[in-house]
Amino acid sequence: MTFKQLKQNKFVKFFTNRYVVILIIFTVWMLFFDENSYLVHKEFDKEIDELEIAIDFYKKKIEEDKLTIKSLEDSLQIEKFAREKYLMKRENEDIYIIEFDTIKK
């Protein structure tokens, strides 16, 4: 094929049109290089998904804490909670903390 025949080819003619070249350059620029590119939006979508998972986690934790607060309205439950979570004690009482070594040698 000579250069003239190649130039007459419909495919080559279409892609050498200045408007098509500009459109291709513009599309590539918008997809990959612009600050609002497809890649940036993809990262934002991933971050949104992670934040929605975190929101669900914290909503569940809030519900658990509300149930804990409701159960702590009784003074005996408050004492039990303080002893278990914060190792508090009554006067003249000793607390021994026993830790088990779970690592086998």
PDB file of N, CA and C in Angstrom:
ATOM      1  N   MET A   1       0.833  -1.187   0.000  1.00  0.00           N
ATOM      2  CA  MET A   1       0.000   0.000   0.000  1.00  0.00           C
ATOM      3  C   MET A   1       0.872   1.244   0.000  1.00  0.00           C
ATOM      4  N   THR A   2       0.523   2.155  -0.820  1.00  0.00           N
ATOM      5  CA  THR A   2       1.265   3.411  -0.864  1.00  0.00           C
ATOM      6  C   THR A   2       0.630   4.392   0.113  1.00  0.00           C
ATOM      7  N   PHE A   3       1.299   5.490   0.273  1.00  0.00           N
ATOM      8  CA  PHE A   3       0.820   6.513   1.194  1.00  0.00           C
ATOM      9  C   PHE A   3      -0.529   7.086   0.755  1.00  0.00           C
ATOM     10  N   LYS A   4      -0.713   7.267  -0.547  1.00  0.00           N
ATOM     11  CA  LYS A   4      -1.988   7.800  -1.063  1.00  0.00           C
ATOM     12  C   LYS A   4      -3.125   6.830  -0.800  1.00  0.00           C
ATOM     13  N   GLN A   5      -2.860   5.548  -0.997  1.00  0.00           N
ATOM     14  CA  GLN A   5      -3.904   4.558  -0.738  1.00  0.00           C
ATOM     15  C   GLN A   5      -4.228   4.497   0.754  1.00  0.00           C
ATOM     16  N   LEU A   6      -3.232   4.594   1.567  1.00  0.00           N
ATOM     17  CA  LEU A   6      -3.439   4.596   3.010  1.00  0.00           C
ATOM     18  C   LEU A   6      -4.244   5.820   3.438  1.00  0.00           C
ATOM     19  N   LYS A   7      -3.960   6.946   2.800  1.00  0.00           N
ATOM     20  CA  LYS A   7      -4.664   8.181   3.099  1.00  0.00           C
ATOM     21  C   LYS A   7      -6.132   8.115   2.674  1.00  0.00           C
ATOM     22  N   GLN A   8      -6.447   7.339   1.686  1.00  0.00           N
ATOM     23  CA  GLN A   8      -7.820   7.213   1.196  1.00  0.00           C
ATOM     24  C   GLN A   8      -8.638   6.202   2.003  1.00  0.00           C
ATOM     25  N   ASN A   9      -7.984   5.426   2.835  1.00  0.00           N
ATOM     26  CA  ASN A   9      -8.680   4.444   3.661  1.00  0.00           C
ATOM     27  C   ASN A   9      -9.653   5.167   4.600  1.00  0.00           C
ATOM     28  N   LYS A  10     -10.898   4.651   4.716  1.00  0.00           N
ATOM     29  CA  LYS A  10     -11.933   5.307   5.541  1.00  0.00           C
ATOM     30  C   LYS A  10     -11.533   5.357   7.008  1.00  0.00           C
ATOM     31  N   PHE A  11     -10.939   4.296   7.482  1.00  0.00           N
ATOM     32  CA  PHE A  11     -10.535   4.225   8.879  1.00  0.00           C
ATOM     33  C   PHE A  11      -9.483   5.287   9.199  1.00  0.00           C
ATOM     34  N   VAL A  12      -8.486   5.392   8.359  1.00  0.00           N
ATOM     35  CA  VAL A  12      -7.424   6.380   8.555  1.00  0.00           C
ATOM     36  C   VAL A  12      -7.976   7.786   8.383  1.00  0.00           C
ATOM     37  N   LYS A  13      -8.844   7.945   7.425  1.00  0.00           N
ATOM     38  CA  LYS A  13      -9.448   9.254   7.193  1.00  0.00           C
ATOM     39  C   LYS A  13     -10.232   9.729   8.423  1.00  0.00           C
ATOM     40  N   PHE A  14     -10.964   8.807   9.004  1.00  0.00           N
ATOM     41  CA  PHE A  14     -11.771   9.154  10.175  1.00  0.00           C
ATOM     42  C   PHE A  14     -10.879   9.573  11.345  1.00  0.00           C
ATOM     43  N   PHE A  15      -9.833   8.789  11.630  1.00  0.00           N
ATOM     44  CA  PHE A  15      -8.996   9.073  12.792  1.00  0.00           C
ATOM     45  C   PHE A  15      -7.979  10.181  12.570  1.00  0.00           C
ATOM     46  N   THR A  16      -7.833  10.656  11.360  1.00  0.00           N
ATOM     47  CA  THR A  16      -6.957  11.803  11.134  1.00  0.00           C
ATOM     48  C   THR A  16      -7.739  13.105  11.055  1.00  0.00           C
ATOM     49  N   ASN A  17      -9.023  13.022  11.171  1.00  0.00           N
ATOM     50  CA  ASN A  17      -9.854  14.217  11.229  1.00  0.00           C
ATOM     51  C   ASN A  17      -9.471  14.981  12.505  1.00  0.00           C
ATOM     52  N   ARG A  18      -9.297  16.300  12.383  1.00  0.00           N
ATOM     53  CA  ARG A  18      -8.822  17.076  13.521  1.00  0.00           C
ATOM     54  C   ARG A  18      -9.811  17.067  14.681  1.00  0.00           C
ATOM     55  N   TYR A  19     -11.106  17.014  14.400  1.00  0.00           N
ATOM     56  CA  TYR A  19     -12.105  16.983  15.470  1.00  0.00           C
ATOM     57  C   TYR A  19     -12.079  15.650  16.225  1.00  0.00           C
ATOM     58  N   VAL A  20     -11.861  14.585  15.512  1.00  0.00           N
ATOM     59  CA  VAL A  20     -11.766  13.268  16.152  1.00  0.00           C
ATOM     60  C   VAL A  20     -10.509  13.202  17.010  1.00  0.00           C
ATOM     61  N   VAL A  21      -9.406  13.723  16.517  1.00  0.00           N
ATOM     62  CA  VAL A  21      -8.164  13.735  17.282  1.00  0.00           C
ATOM     63  C   VAL A  21      -8.338  14.545  18.556  1.00  0.00           C
ATOM     64  N   ILE A  22      -8.959  15.711  18.443  1.00  0.00           N
ATOM     65  CA  ILE A  22      -9.200  16.558  19.614  1.00  0.00           C
ATOM     66  C   ILE A  22     -10.126  15.849  20.597  1.00  0.00           C
ATOM     67  N   LEU A  23     -11.159  15.200  20.092  1.00  0.00           N
ATOM     68  CA  LEU A  23     -12.093  14.464  20.952  1.00  0.00           C
ATOM     69  C   LEU A  23     -11.378  13.317  21.677  1.00  0.00           C
ATOM     70  N   ILE A  24     -10.519  12.604  20.997  1.00  0.00           N
ATOM     71  CA  ILE A  24      -9.771  11.509  21.628  1.00  0.00           C
ATOM     72  C   ILE A  24      -8.843  12.046  22.717  1.00  0.00           C
ATOM     73  N   ILE A  25      -8.142  13.117  22.414  1.00  0.00           N
ATOM     74  CA  ILE A  25      -7.247  13.718  23.408  1.00  0.00           C
ATOM     75  C   ILE A  25      -8.043  14.207  24.611  1.00  0.00           C
ATOM     76  N   PHE A  26      -9.168  14.865  24.360  1.00  0.00           N
ATOM     77  CA  PHE A  26     -10.020  15.362  25.440  1.00  0.00           C
ATOM     78  C   PHE A  26     -10.531  14.204  26.304  1.00  0.00           C
ATOM     79  N   THR A  27     -10.969  13.115  25.671  1.00  0.00           N
ATOM     80  CA  THR A  27     -11.492  11.964  26.405  1.00  0.00           C
ATOM     81  C   THR A  27     -10.408  11.322  27.274  1.00  0.00           C
ATOM     82  N   VAL A  28      -9.230  11.148  26.720  1.00  0.00           N
ATOM     83  CA  VAL A  28      -8.125  10.571  27.487  1.00  0.00           C
ATOM     84  C   VAL A  28      -7.764  11.486  28.654  1.00  0.00           C
ATOM     85  N   TRP A  29      -7.732  12.773  28.401  1.00  0.00           N
ATOM     86  CA  TRP A  29      -7.424  13.734  29.467  1.00  0.00           C
ATOM     87  C   TRP A  29      -8.446  13.657  30.595  1.00  0.00           C
ATOM     88  N   MET A  30      -9.727  13.640  30.255  1.00  0.00           N
ATOM     89  CA  MET A  30     -10.783  13.611  31.261  1.00  0.00           C
ATOM     90  C   MET A  30     -10.817  12.286  32.024  1.00  0.00           C
ATOM     91  N   LEU A  31     -10.475  11.204  31.373  1.00  0.00           N
ATOM     92  CA  LEU A  31     -10.515   9.899  32.046  1.00  0.00           C
ATOM     93  C   LEU A  31      -9.337   9.683  32.993  1.00  0.00           C
ATOM     94  N   PHE A  32      -8.163  10.191  32.640  1.00  0.00           N
ATOM     95  CA  PHE A  32      -6.979   9.826  33.408  1.00  0.00           C
ATOM     96  C   PHE A  32      -6.235  10.981  34.061  1.00  0.00           C
ATOM     97  N   PHE A  33      -6.235  12.165  33.485  1.00  0.00           N
ATOM     98  CA  PHE A  33      -5.344  13.211  33.971  1.00  0.00           C
ATOM     99  C   PHE A  33      -6.027  14.353  34.713  1.00  0.00           C
ATOM    100  N   ASP A  34      -7.295  14.567  34.522  1.00  0.00           N
ATOM    101  CA  ASP A  34      -7.999  15.678  35.152  1.00  0.00           C
ATOM    102  C   ASP A  34      -8.160  15.407  36.645  1.00  0.00           C
ATOM    103  N   GLU A  35      -8.323  16.467  37.438  1.00  0.00           N
ATOM    104  CA  GLU A  35      -8.489  16.271  38.880  1.00  0.00           C
ATOM    105  C   GLU A  35      -9.833  15.617  39.215  1.00  0.00           C
ATOM    106  N   ASN A  36     -10.773  15.637  38.307  1.00  0.00           N
ATOM    107  CA  ASN A  36     -12.050  14.948  38.492  1.00  0.00           C
ATOM    108  C   ASN A  36     -12.137  13.726  37.577  1.00  0.00           C
ATOM    109  N   SER A  37     -11.032  13.043  37.410  1.00  0.00           N
ATOM    110  CA  SER A  37     -10.969  11.931  36.476  1.00  0.00           C
ATOM    111  C   SER A  37     -11.730  10.718  36.989  1.00  0.00           C
ATOM    112  N   TYR A  38     -11.865   9.756  36.124  1.00  0.00           N
ATOM    113  CA  TYR A  38     -12.536   8.499  36.477  1.00  0.00           C
ATOM    114  C   TYR A  38     -11.815   7.805  37.623  1.00  0.00           C
ATOM    115  N   LEU A  39     -10.504   7.834  37.616  1.00  0.00           N
ATOM    116  CA  LEU A  39      -9.727   7.175  38.657  1.00  0.00           C
ATOM    117  C   LEU A  39      -9.960   7.819  40.022  1.00  0.00           C
ATOM    118  N   VAL A  40     -10.059   9.143  40.041  1.00  0.00           N
ATOM    119  CA  VAL A  40     -10.326   9.855  41.296  1.00  0.00           C
ATOM    120  C   VAL A  40     -11.725   9.505  41.799  1.00  0.00           C
ATOM    121  N   HIS A  41     -12.694   9.472  40.904  1.00  0.00           N
ATOM    122  CA  HIS A  41     -14.056   9.117  41.300  1.00  0.00           C
ATOM    123  C   HIS A  41     -14.128   7.682  41.808  1.00  0.00           C
ATOM    124  N   LYS A  42     -13.343   6.810  41.216  1.00  0.00           N
ATOM    125  CA  LYS A  42     -13.306   5.417  41.661  1.00  0.00           C
ATOM    126  C   LYS A  42     -12.772   5.336  43.094  1.00  0.00           C
ATOM    127  N   GLU A  43     -11.731   6.094  43.403  1.00  0.00           N
ATOM    128  CA  GLU A  43     -11.185   6.138  44.765  1.00  0.00           C
ATOM    129  C   GLU A  43     -12.204   6.714  45.741  1.00  0.00           C
ATOM    130  N   PHE A  44     -12.908   7.766  45.321  1.00  0.00           N
ATOM    131  CA  PHE A  44     -13.933   8.359  46.181  1.00  0.00           C
ATOM    132  C   PHE A  44     -15.063   7.368  46.465  1.00  0.00           C
ATOM    133  N   ASP A  45     -15.463   6.615  45.454  1.00  0.00           N
ATOM    134  CA  ASP A  45     -16.508   5.607  45.656  1.00  0.00           C
ATOM    135  C   ASP A  45     -16.058   4.537  46.645  1.00  0.00           C
ATOM    136  N   LYS A  46     -14.806   4.152  46.566  1.00  0.00           N
ATOM    137  CA  LYS A  46     -14.259   3.164  47.498  1.00  0.00           C
ATOM    138  C   LYS A  46     -14.263   3.733  48.919  1.00  0.00           C
ATOM    139  N   GLU A  47     -13.869   4.989  49.059  1.00  0.00           N
ATOM    140  CA  GLU A  47     -13.847   5.632  50.377  1.00  0.00           C
ATOM    141  C   GLU A  47     -15.262   5.766  50.938  1.00  0.00           C
ATOM    142  N   ILE A  48     -16.235   6.069  50.077  1.00  0.00           N
ATOM    143  CA  ILE A  48     -17.625   6.163  50.512  1.00  0.00           C
ATOM    144  C   ILE A  48     -18.105   4.817  51.028  1.00  0.00           C
ATOM    145  N   ASP A  49     -17.774   3.744  50.325  1.00  0.00           N
ATOM    146  CA  ASP A  49     -18.166   2.410  50.773  1.00  0.00           C
ATOM    147  C   ASP A  49     -17.564   2.082  52.139  1.00  0.00           C
ATOM    148  N   GLU A  50     -16.294   2.415  52.334  1.00  0.00           N
ATOM    149  CA  GLU A  50     -15.645   2.172  53.621  1.00  0.00           C
ATOM    150  C   GLU A  50     -16.308   2.979  54.729  1.00  0.00           C
ATOM    151  N   LEU A  51     -16.660   4.228  54.438  1.00  0.00           N
ATOM    152  CA  LEU A  51     -17.311   5.070  55.444  1.00  0.00           C
ATOM    153  C   LEU A  51     -18.710   4.564  55.779  1.00  0.00           C
ATOM    154  N   GLU A  52     -19.416   4.041  54.792  1.00  0.00           N
ATOM    155  CA  GLU A  52     -20.742   3.482  55.065  1.00  0.00           C
ATOM    156  C   GLU A  52     -20.639   2.245  55.945  1.00  0.00           C
ATOM    157  N   ILE A  53     -19.612   1.434  55.746  1.00  0.00           N
ATOM    158  CA  ILE A  53     -19.383   0.279  56.613  1.00  0.00           C
ATOM    159  C   ILE A  53     -19.082   0.745  58.034  1.00  0.00           C
ATOM    160  N   ALA A  54     -18.271   1.795  58.158  1.00  0.00           N
ATOM    161  CA  ALA A  54     -17.952   2.342  59.478  1.00  0.00           C
ATOM    162  C   ALA A  54     -19.205   2.897  60.151  1.00  0.00           C
ATOM    163  N   ILE A  55     -20.074   3.545  59.380  1.00  0.00           N
ATOM    164  CA  ILE A  55     -21.323   4.077  59.939  1.00  0.00           C
ATOM    165  C   ILE A  55     -22.170   2.954  60.500  1.00  0.00           C
ATOM    166  N   ASP A  56     -22.301   1.857  59.761  1.00  0.00           N
ATOM    167  CA  ASP A  56     -23.073   0.711  60.243  1.00  0.00           C
ATOM    168  C   ASP A  56     -22.467   0.137  61.518  1.00  0.00           C
ATOM    169  N   PHE A  57     -21.132   0.028  61.552  1.00  0.00           N
ATOM    170  CA  PHE A  57     -20.456  -0.489  62.740  1.00  0.00           C
ATOM    171  C   PHE A  57     -20.752   0.386  63.956  1.00  0.00           C
ATOM    172  N   TYR A  58     -20.630   1.695  63.792  1.00  0.00           N
ATOM    173  CA  TYR A  58     -20.835   2.591  64.931  1.00  0.00           C
ATOM    174  C   TYR A  58     -22.300   2.660  65.342  1.00  0.00           C
ATOM    175  N   LYS A  59     -23.213   2.501  64.405  1.00  0.00           N
ATOM    176  CA  LYS A  59     -24.627   2.443  64.786  1.00  0.00           C
ATOM    177  C   LYS A  59     -24.905   1.219  65.650  1.00  0.00           C
ATOM    178  N   LYS A  60     -24.292   0.081  65.300  1.00  0.00           N
ATOM    179  CA  LYS A  60     -24.454  -1.125  66.119  1.00  0.00           C
ATOM    180  C   LYS A  60     -23.849  -0.925  67.504  1.00  0.00           C
ATOM    181  N   LYS A  61     -22.678  -0.291  67.558  1.00  0.00           N
ATOM    182  CA  LYS A  61     -22.047  -0.027  68.855  1.00  0.00           C
ATOM    183  C   LYS A  61     -22.907   0.904  69.706  1.00  0.00           C
ATOM    184  N   ILE A  62     -23.536   1.890  69.088  1.00  0.00           N
ATOM    185  CA  ILE A  62     -24.402   2.809  69.817  1.00  0.00           C
ATOM    186  C   ILE A  62     -25.581   2.053  70.410  1.00  0.00           C
ATOM    187  N   GLU A  63     -26.163   1.150  69.631  1.00  0.00           N
ATOM    188  CA  GLU A  63     -27.292   0.355  70.141  1.00  0.00           C
ATOM    189  C   GLU A  63     -26.847  -0.519  71.315  1.00  0.00           C
ATOM    190  N   GLU A  64     -25.668  -1.138  71.200  1.00  0.00           N
ATOM    191  CA  GLU A  64     -25.154  -1.946  72.306  1.00  0.00           C
ATOM    192  C   GLU A  64     -24.933  -1.087  73.550  1.00  0.00           C
ATOM    193  N   ASP A  65     -24.378   0.106  73.377  1.00  0.00           N
ATOM    194  CA  ASP A  65     -24.138   0.993  74.512  1.00  0.00           C
ATOM    195  C   ASP A  65     -25.438   1.473  75.136  1.00  0.00           C
ATOM    196  N   LYS A  66     -26.463   1.700  74.308  1.00  0.00           N
ATOM    197  CA  LYS A  66     -27.761   2.090  74.856  1.00  0.00           C
ATOM    198  C   LYS A  66     -28.337   0.978  75.725  1.00  0.00           C
ATOM    199  N   LEU A  67     -28.177  -0.268  75.273  1.00  0.00           N
ATOM    200  CA  LEU A  67     -28.651  -1.393  76.078  1.00  0.00           C
ATOM    201  C   LEU A  67     -27.861  -1.506  77.374  1.00  0.00           C
ATOM    202  N   THR A  68     -26.555  -1.263  77.313  1.00  0.00           N
ATOM    203  CA  THR A  68     -25.723  -1.302  78.515  1.00  0.00           C
ATOM    204  C   THR A  68     -26.143  -0.212  79.484  1.00  0.00           C
ATOM    205  N   ILE A  69     -26.381   0.979  78.970  1.00  0.00           N
ATOM    206  CA  ILE A  69     -26.803   2.095  79.829  1.00  0.00           C
ATOM    207  C   ILE A  69     -28.149   1.783  80.474  1.00  0.00           C
ATOM    208  N   LYS A  70     -29.051   1.207  79.700  1.00  0.00           N
ATOM    209  CA  LYS A  70     -30.365   0.867  80.238  1.00  0.00           C
ATOM    210  C   LYS A  70     -30.241  -0.189  81.338  1.00  0.00           C
ATOM    211  N   SER A  71     -29.318  -1.151  81.153  1.00  0.00           N
ATOM    212  CA  SER A  71     -29.152  -2.186  82.172  1.00  0.00           C
ATOM    213  C   SER A  71     -28.456  -1.645  83.416  1.00  0.00           C
ATOM    214  N   LEU A  72     -27.747  -0.530  83.307  1.00  0.00           N
ATOM    215  CA  LEU A  72     -27.022   0.039  84.440  1.00  0.00           C
ATOM    216  C   LEU A  72     -27.885   0.940  85.316  1.00  0.00           C
ATOM    217  N   GLU A  73     -29.163   0.978  85.072  1.00  0.00           N
ATOM    218  CA  GLU A  73     -30.034   1.788  85.922  1.00  0.00           C
ATOM    219  C   GLU A  73     -30.163   1.175  87.317  1.00  0.00           C
ATOM    220  N   ASP A  74     -29.905  -0.109  87.441  1.00  0.00           N
ATOM    221  CA  ASP A  74     -29.942  -0.795  88.730  1.00  0.00           C
ATOM    222  C   ASP A  74     -28.574  -0.649  89.400  1.00  0.00           C
ATOM    223  N   SER A  75     -28.545  -0.360  90.709  1.00  0.00           N
ATOM    224  CA  SER A  75     -27.276  -0.132  91.406  1.00  0.00           C
ATOM    225  C   SER A  75     -26.433  -1.400  91.470  1.00  0.00           C
ATOM    226  N   LEU A  76     -27.049  -2.575  91.542  1.00  0.00           N
ATOM    227  CA  LEU A  76     -26.284  -3.818  91.546  1.00  0.00           C
ATOM    228  C   LEU A  76     -25.591  -4.040  90.203  1.00  0.00           C
ATOM    229  N   GLN A  77     -26.254  -3.663  89.124  1.00  0.00           N
ATOM    230  CA  GLN A  77     -25.644  -3.796  87.803  1.00  0.00           C
ATOM    231  C   GLN A  77     -24.482  -2.820  87.635  1.00  0.00           C
ATOM    232  N   ILE A  78     -24.617  -1.638  88.210  1.00  0.00           N
ATOM    233  CA  ILE A  78     -23.527  -0.655  88.139  1.00  0.00           C
ATOM    234  C   ILE A  78     -22.298  -1.197  88.863  1.00  0.00           C
ATOM    235  N   GLU A  79     -22.518  -1.785  90.061  1.00  0.00           N
ATOM    236  CA  GLU A  79     -21.401  -2.342  90.815  1.00  0.00           C
ATOM    237  C   GLU A  79     -20.746  -3.491  90.045  1.00  0.00           C
ATOM    238  N   LYS A  80     -21.537  -4.368  89.467  1.00  0.00           N
ATOM    239  CA  LYS A  80     -21.004  -5.488  88.692  1.00  0.00           C
ATOM    240  C   LYS A  80     -20.187  -4.981  87.503  1.00  0.00           C
ATOM    241  N   PHE A  81     -20.721  -3.975  86.808  1.00  0.00           N
ATOM    242  CA  PHE A  81     -20.025  -3.399  85.656  1.00  0.00           C
ATOM    243  C   PHE A  81     -18.695  -2.789  86.082  1.00  0.00           C
ATOM    244  N   ALA A  82     -18.702  -2.038  87.177  1.00  0.00           N
ATOM    245  CA  ALA A  82     -17.473  -1.387  87.652  1.00  0.00           C
ATOM    246  C   ALA A  82     -16.429  -2.411  88.060  1.00  0.00           C
ATOM    247  N   ARG A  83     -16.867  -3.500  88.689  1.00  0.00           N
ATOM    248  CA  ARG A  83     -15.924  -4.539  89.104  1.00  0.00           C
ATOM    249  C   ARG A  83     -15.319  -5.256  87.902  1.00  0.00           C
ATOM    250  N   GLU A  84     -16.147  -5.563  86.898  1.00  0.00           N
ATOM    251  CA  GLU A  84     -15.663  -6.321  85.745  1.00  0.00           C
ATOM    252  C   GLU A  84     -14.809  -5.479  84.806  1.00  0.00           C
ATOM    253  N   LYS A  85     -15.268  -4.291  84.491  1.00  0.00           N
ATOM    254  CA  LYS A  85     -14.591  -3.482  83.477  1.00  0.00           C
ATOM    255  C   LYS A  85     -13.434  -2.655  84.023  1.00  0.00           C
ATOM    256  N   TYR A  86     -13.607  -2.100  85.220  1.00  0.00           N
ATOM    257  CA  TYR A  86     -12.616  -1.157  85.740  1.00  0.00           C
ATOM    258  C   TYR A  86     -11.880  -1.673  86.970  1.00  0.00           C
ATOM    259  N   LEU A  87     -12.094  -2.944  87.323  1.00  0.00           N
ATOM    260  CA  LEU A  87     -11.414  -3.592  88.434  1.00  0.00           C
ATOM    261  C   LEU A  87     -11.543  -2.809  89.738  1.00  0.00           C
ATOM    262  N   MET A  88     -12.704  -2.230  89.947  1.00  0.00           N
ATOM    263  CA  MET A  88     -12.948  -1.504  91.189  1.00  0.00           C
ATOM    264  C   MET A  88     -13.258  -2.508  92.294  1.00  0.00           C
ATOM    265  N   LYS A  89     -13.104  -2.069  93.541  1.00  0.00           N
ATOM    266  CA  LYS A  89     -13.307  -2.972  94.667  1.00  0.00           C
ATOM    267  C   LYS A  89     -13.920  -2.217  95.834  1.00  0.00           C
ATOM    268  N   ARG A  90     -14.433  -3.001  96.768  1.00  0.00           N
ATOM    269  CA  ARG A  90     -14.943  -2.424  98.012  1.00  0.00           C
ATOM    270  C   ARG A  90     -13.775  -2.232  98.979  1.00  0.00           C
ATOM    271  N   GLU A  91     -14.052  -1.512 100.069  1.00  0.00           N
ATOM    272  CA  GLU A  91     -13.018  -1.352 101.077  1.00  0.00           C
ATOM    273  C   GLU A  91     -12.722  -2.705 101.713  1.00  0.00           C
ATOM    274  N   ASN A  92     -11.477  -2.875 102.129  1.00  0.00           N
ATOM    275  CA  ASN A  92     -11.013  -4.105 102.771  1.00  0.00           C
ATOM    276  C   ASN A  92     -11.222  -5.326 101.876  1.00  0.00           C
ATOM    277  N   GLU A  93     -11.062  -5.144 100.602  1.00  0.00           N
ATOM    278  CA  GLU A  93     -11.222  -6.253  99.668  1.00  0.00           C
ATOM    279  C   GLU A  93     -10.000  -6.275  98.762  1.00  0.00           C
ATOM    280  N   ASP A  94      -9.499  -7.451  98.480  1.00  0.00           N
ATOM    281  CA  ASP A  94      -8.348  -7.587  97.597  1.00  0.00           C
ATOM    282  C   ASP A  94      -8.804  -8.187  96.271  1.00  0.00           C
ATOM    283  N   ILE A  95      -8.168  -7.735  95.211  1.00  0.00           N
ATOM    284  CA  ILE A  95      -8.471  -8.260  93.880  1.00  0.00           C
ATOM    285  C   ILE A  95      -7.200  -8.874  93.331  1.00  0.00           C
ATOM    286  N   TYR A  96      -7.339 -10.075  92.826  1.00  0.00           N
ATOM    287  CA  TYR A  96      -6.217 -10.759  92.200  1.00  0.00           C
ATOM    288  C   TYR A  96      -6.543 -10.958  90.729  1.00  0.00           C
ATOM    289  N   ILE A  97      -5.648 -10.502  89.879  1.00  0.00           N
ATOM    290  CA  ILE A  97      -5.842 -10.646  88.439  1.00  0.00           C
ATOM    291  C   ILE A  97      -4.995 -11.826  87.977  1.00  0.00           C
ATOM    292  N   ILE A  98      -5.656 -12.797  87.374  1.00  0.00           N
ATOM    293  CA  ILE A  98      -4.965 -13.985  86.905  1.00  0.00           C
ATOM    294  C   ILE A  98      -4.953 -13.948  85.390  1.00  0.00           C
ATOM    295  N   GLU A  99      -3.755 -13.934  84.839  1.00  0.00           N
ATOM    296  CA  GLU A  99      -3.616 -13.945  83.383  1.00  0.00           C
ATOM    297  C   GLU A  99      -3.058 -15.293  82.979  1.00  0.00           C
ATOM    298  N   PHE A 100      -3.632 -15.864  81.960  1.00  0.00           N
ATOM    299  CA  PHE A 100      -3.181 -17.153  81.468  1.00  0.00           C
ATOM    300  C   PHE A 100      -2.308 -16.931  80.247  1.00  0.00           C
ATOM    301  N   ASP A 101      -1.202 -17.654  80.205  1.00  0.00           N
ATOM    302  CA  ASP A 101      -0.310 -17.594  79.066  1.00  0.00           C
ATOM    303  C   ASP A 101      -0.866 -18.525  77.984  1.00  0.00           C
ATOM    304  N   THR A 102      -1.321 -17.969  76.898  1.00  0.00           N
ATOM    305  CA  THR A 102      -1.940 -18.786  75.844  1.00  0.00           C
ATOM    306  C   THR A 102      -0.952 -19.183  74.776  1.00  0.00           C
ATOM    307  N   ILE A 103       0.269 -18.692  74.852  1.00  0.00           N
ATOM    308  CA  ILE A 103       1.279 -19.021  73.858  1.00  0.00           C
ATOM    309  C   ILE A 103       1.976 -20.299  74.278  1.00  0.00           C
ATOM    310  N   LYS A 104       1.928 -21.284  73.410  1.00  0.00           N
ATOM    311  CA  LYS A 104       2.587 -22.552  73.714  1.00  0.00           C
ATOM    312  C   LYS A 104       4.004 -22.520  73.163  1.00  0.00           C
ATOM    313  N   LYS A 105       4.905 -23.028  73.961  1.00  0.00           N
ATOM    314  CA  LYS A 105       6.308 -23.028  73.536  1.00  0.00           C
ATOM    315  C   LYS A 105       6.714 -24.371  73.044  1.00  0.00           C
TER     316      LYS A 105
END
